[in-house]
Amino acid sequence: MNEHVTLVDHPLVQHKLSIMRDKETSTGQFRQLLREISQFLAYEITRELPLENQAIETPMGPMDAPMLRGKKLALISILRAGNGLLDGVLELVPSARVGFVGLYRDEQTLEPVEYYFKVPDVLNERLVIAVDPMLATGNSSVAAIDRLKEAGATNIRFMCLLAAPEGIARMRQAHPDVHIVTASVDEKLNEQGYIVPGLGDAGDRMFGTK
């Protein structure tokens, strides 16, 4: 799409996303589809992980086999909805370290308020992938990336299900070094700061809350 955003337009991703958008889709199906799509997104966002050869023995003999190099990557869930993406990525990369940034959006100001922060050590030596289904205004995402950089992270990527043009622009302005991987760039934000056409509130639809 551009140097700042990768759009994962695989037909299976788009099909599953369309079912998620449907307001009749159940909470259980919504969660399952989010987990499935997260694995496609994780495949793309980890494409350039560094490798090194290690000596192993196959049933047919020795070989130098490519294995992941360096510190285990860090997955950072932006609570609460980020956990829906986190679970799927962990199935692909079970050795990853996991952290959490707890933010909620003030409904009047649309600004993020932090209530929790716990992340792995030596973030400066890890690829850090922050996950949140929705990149809407971008305020919460920017605040989370701010905190991760304060904690030492230098190599950060952002993974989301949906992005609004306004959120992409906000992230590009605040953190031009953070690449975004998403399944869709939607039309716009409405006056309440929700993505249109979007899929509603991802956290509410994941957990069955209002």
Protein backbone atom coordinates (compact mmCIF):
# COMPACT_ATOMS: atom_id res chain seq x y z
CA MET A 1 0.00 0.00 0.00
CA ASN A 2 2.81 2.39 0.97
CA GLU A 3 6.07 2.21 2.85
CA HIS A 4 4.25 2.76 6.16
CA VAL A 5 1.36 0.28 5.79
CA THR A 6 1.05 -3.31 4.57
CA LEU A 7 -2.49 -4.33 3.58
CA VAL A 8 -3.06 -8.09 3.86
CA ASP A 9 -5.63 -8.59 1.11
CA HIS A 10 -5.54 -12.41 0.98
CA PRO A 11 -8.98 -13.71 -0.11
CA LEU A 12 -9.41 -15.79 3.06
CA VAL A 13 -8.63 -12.77 5.23
CA GLN A 14 -11.13 -10.60 3.39
CA HIS A 15 -13.83 -13.30 3.53
CA LYS A 16 -13.39 -13.85 7.26
CA LEU A 17 -13.31 -10.10 7.89
CA SER A 18 -16.61 -9.65 6.04
CA ILE A 19 -18.25 -12.22 8.32
CA MET A 20 -16.84 -10.37 11.35
CA ARG A 21 -18.33 -7.10 10.11
CA ASP A 22 -21.84 -8.60 9.93
CA LYS A 23 -23.77 -7.46 13.00
CA GLU A 24 -25.50 -10.87 13.18
CA THR A 25 -22.21 -12.74 13.73
CA SER A 26 -22.11 -14.27 17.22
CA THR A 27 -19.56 -13.43 19.89
CA GLY A 28 -18.05 -16.91 19.70
CA GLN A 29 -17.69 -16.83 15.93
CA PHE A 30 -16.30 -13.28 16.08
CA ARG A 31 -13.56 -14.41 18.50
CA GLN A 32 -12.69 -17.45 16.41
CA LEU A 33 -12.44 -15.44 13.21
CA LEU A 34 -10.28 -12.81 14.91
CA ARG A 35 -7.90 -15.56 16.05
CA GLU A 36 -7.75 -16.99 12.53
CA ILE A 37 -7.13 -13.64 10.84
CA SER A 38 -4.46 -12.78 13.42
CA GLN A 39 -2.38 -15.71 12.15
CA PHE A 40 -2.46 -14.41 8.58
CA LEU A 41 -1.42 -10.97 9.86
CA ALA A 42 1.32 -12.49 12.02
CA TYR A 43 2.67 -14.39 9.00
CA GLU A 44 3.11 -11.06 7.20
CA ILE A 45 4.44 -9.02 10.12
CA THR A 46 7.12 -11.62 10.98
CA ARG A 47 8.24 -12.10 7.37
CA GLU A 48 11.64 -10.45 7.93
CA LEU A 49 12.64 -12.07 11.23
CA PRO A 50 16.40 -12.76 11.21
CA LEU A 51 17.60 -16.35 10.81
CA GLU A 52 20.84 -18.18 11.52
CA ASN A 53 21.96 -21.69 10.68
CA GLN A 54 22.24 -24.28 13.44
CA ALA A 55 23.55 -27.83 13.18
CA ILE A 56 20.82 -30.46 13.56
CA GLU A 57 20.37 -34.13 12.73
CA THR A 58 17.51 -35.12 10.46
CA PRO A 59 16.57 -38.83 10.16
CA MET A 60 18.71 -38.81 7.01
CA GLY A 61 21.79 -37.09 8.43
CA PRO A 62 23.26 -33.76 9.56
CA MET A 63 22.42 -30.35 8.13
CA ASP A 64 22.77 -26.66 8.90
CA ALA A 65 19.13 -25.59 9.36
CA PRO A 66 17.73 -22.04 9.53
CA MET A 67 16.45 -21.08 12.98
CA LEU A 68 15.26 -17.76 14.42
CA ARG A 69 18.15 -15.62 15.63
CA GLY A 70 18.40 -13.33 18.64
CA LYS A 71 16.08 -12.59 21.54
CA LYS A 72 12.54 -13.91 21.43
CA LEU A 73 10.17 -11.33 20.00
CA ALA A 74 7.82 -9.43 22.30
CA LEU A 75 4.07 -9.34 21.70
CA ILE A 76 2.36 -6.40 23.38
CA SER A 77 -1.41 -6.48 23.73
CA ILE A 78 -3.14 -3.13 23.98
CA LEU A 79 -5.90 -4.07 26.39
CA ARG A 80 -8.52 -5.20 26.29
CA ALA A 81 -9.30 -5.96 22.66
CA GLY A 82 -5.67 -6.65 21.79
CA ASN A 83 -5.96 -10.02 23.50
CA GLY A 84 -8.07 -11.27 20.60
CA LEU A 85 -5.13 -10.85 18.24
CA LEU A 86 -2.57 -11.94 20.83
CA ASP A 87 -3.95 -15.46 21.19
CA GLY A 88 -3.65 -16.27 17.51
CA VAL A 89 -0.12 -14.92 17.19
CA LEU A 90 0.99 -16.92 20.23
CA GLU A 91 -0.16 -20.11 18.53
CA LEU A 92 2.30 -19.36 15.73
CA VAL A 93 5.11 -18.06 17.97
CA PRO A 94 4.61 -19.79 21.33
CA SER A 95 8.07 -18.79 22.59
CA ALA A 96 7.33 -15.05 22.30
CA ARG A 97 7.44 -12.90 25.40
CA VAL A 98 4.18 -11.11 26.20
CA GLY A 99 3.39 -7.69 27.63
CA PHE A 100 0.30 -5.57 28.20
CA VAL A 101 -0.55 -1.91 27.92
CA GLY A 102 -3.89 -1.05 29.52
CA LEU A 103 -5.57 1.96 27.95
CA TYR A 104 -9.15 3.13 27.72
CA ARG A 105 -10.54 5.97 25.65
CA ASP A 106 -12.16 8.90 27.43
CA GLU A 107 -15.50 9.17 25.62
CA GLN A 108 -15.55 12.97 25.92
CA THR A 109 -12.03 13.84 24.82
CA LEU A 110 -11.28 10.61 22.85
CA GLU A 111 -7.87 10.72 24.56
CA PRO A 112 -6.29 7.54 26.02
CA VAL A 113 -6.00 6.98 29.77
CA GLU A 114 -3.43 4.42 30.96
CA TYR A 115 -4.30 2.03 33.79
CA TYR A 116 -1.78 -0.83 33.35
CA PHE A 117 1.72 -1.35 31.93
CA LYS A 118 3.75 -4.58 32.16
CA VAL A 119 6.25 -5.57 29.45
CA PRO A 120 9.20 -7.98 28.98
CA ASP A 121 12.76 -6.92 29.72
CA VAL A 122 15.45 -5.79 27.21
CA LEU A 123 12.91 -4.52 24.69
CA ASN A 124 15.80 -2.84 22.86
CA GLU A 125 17.03 -6.31 21.80
CA ARG A 126 13.64 -7.62 20.63
CA LEU A 127 11.29 -7.13 17.73
CA VAL A 128 8.23 -5.66 19.45
CA ILE A 129 4.81 -6.25 17.89
CA ALA A 130 1.99 -4.19 19.37
CA VAL A 131 -1.48 -5.59 18.66
CA ASP A 132 -4.89 -3.92 18.76
CA PRO A 133 -7.80 -4.79 16.44
CA MET A 134 -8.73 -1.17 15.69
CA LEU A 135 -6.56 1.76 14.62
CA ALA A 136 -9.23 4.45 14.80
CA THR A 137 -8.19 7.93 15.98
CA GLY A 138 -4.71 6.57 16.61
CA ASN A 139 -4.54 8.27 20.01
CA SER A 140 -4.40 5.07 22.07
CA SER A 141 -1.99 3.39 19.66
CA VAL A 142 0.36 6.39 19.70
CA ALA A 143 0.22 6.49 23.51
CA ALA A 144 1.04 2.77 23.70
CA ILE A 145 3.99 3.15 21.30
CA ASP A 146 5.19 6.17 23.32
CA ARG A 147 5.30 3.97 26.45
CA LEU A 148 7.03 1.11 24.66
CA LYS A 149 9.74 3.45 23.41
CA GLU A 150 10.14 4.84 26.94
CA ALA A 151 10.67 1.22 28.05
CA GLY A 152 13.50 0.84 25.53
CA ALA A 153 11.85 -0.58 22.41
CA THR A 154 13.53 0.50 19.17
CA ASN A 155 12.16 -2.00 16.62
CA ILE A 156 8.34 -1.82 16.79
CA ARG A 157 5.59 -2.95 14.43
CA PHE A 158 1.87 -2.45 14.82
CA MET A 159 -0.71 -5.08 13.90
CA CYS A 160 -4.42 -4.33 13.60
CA LEU A 161 -7.51 -5.75 11.97
CA LEU A 162 -8.96 -2.46 10.73
CA ALA A 163 -7.43 0.98 10.26
CA ALA A 164 -8.97 4.37 9.51
CA PRO A 165 -7.06 6.84 7.32
CA GLU A 166 -7.06 9.29 10.26
CA GLY A 167 -5.41 6.71 12.53
CA ILE A 168 -2.76 5.86 9.94
CA ALA A 169 -1.96 9.56 9.50
CA ARG A 170 -1.72 10.07 13.27
CA MET A 171 0.65 7.11 13.65
CA ARG A 172 2.77 8.20 10.69
CA GLN A 173 3.10 11.67 12.20
CA ALA A 174 3.98 10.47 15.71
CA HIS A 175 5.91 7.28 14.90
CA PRO A 176 7.06 7.19 11.26
CA ASP A 177 9.42 4.30 12.11
CA VAL A 178 6.56 1.96 13.13
CA HIS A 179 5.25 -0.14 10.24
CA ILE A 180 1.53 -1.02 10.29
CA VAL A 181 0.10 -4.35 9.09
CA THR A 182 -3.70 -4.45 8.69
CA ALA A 183 -6.45 -6.40 6.95
CA SER A 184 -8.36 -3.30 5.82
CA VAL A 185 -8.12 0.47 5.54
CA ASP A 186 -11.72 1.62 5.94
CA GLU A 187 -13.41 4.79 4.75
CA LYS A 188 -13.32 7.19 7.71
CA LEU A 189 -14.13 7.86 11.37
CA ASN A 190 -17.57 9.02 12.49
CA GLU A 191 -18.18 11.82 15.00
CA GLN A 192 -17.81 9.38 17.91
CA GLY A 193 -14.39 8.24 16.69
CA TYR A 194 -15.53 4.83 15.44
CA ILE A 195 -14.34 3.33 12.16
CA VAL A 196 -16.89 3.35 9.29
CA PRO A 197 -18.03 0.93 7.92
CA GLY A 198 -15.98 -0.89 10.54
CA LEU A 199 -17.48 -3.61 12.73
CA GLY A 200 -18.53 -1.75 15.86
CA ASP A 201 -16.58 -1.95 19.12
CA ALA A 202 -14.18 -4.89 18.79
CA GLY A 203 -13.89 -5.40 22.56
CA ASP A 204 -17.65 -5.48 23.05
CA ARG A 205 -18.11 -7.91 20.18
CA MET A 206 -15.30 -10.17 21.44
CA PHE A 207 -16.51 -10.34 25.01
CA GLY A 208 -20.26 -9.88 24.61
CA THR A 209 -20.36 -6.61 26.55
CA LYS A 210 -22.12 -3.32 25.79
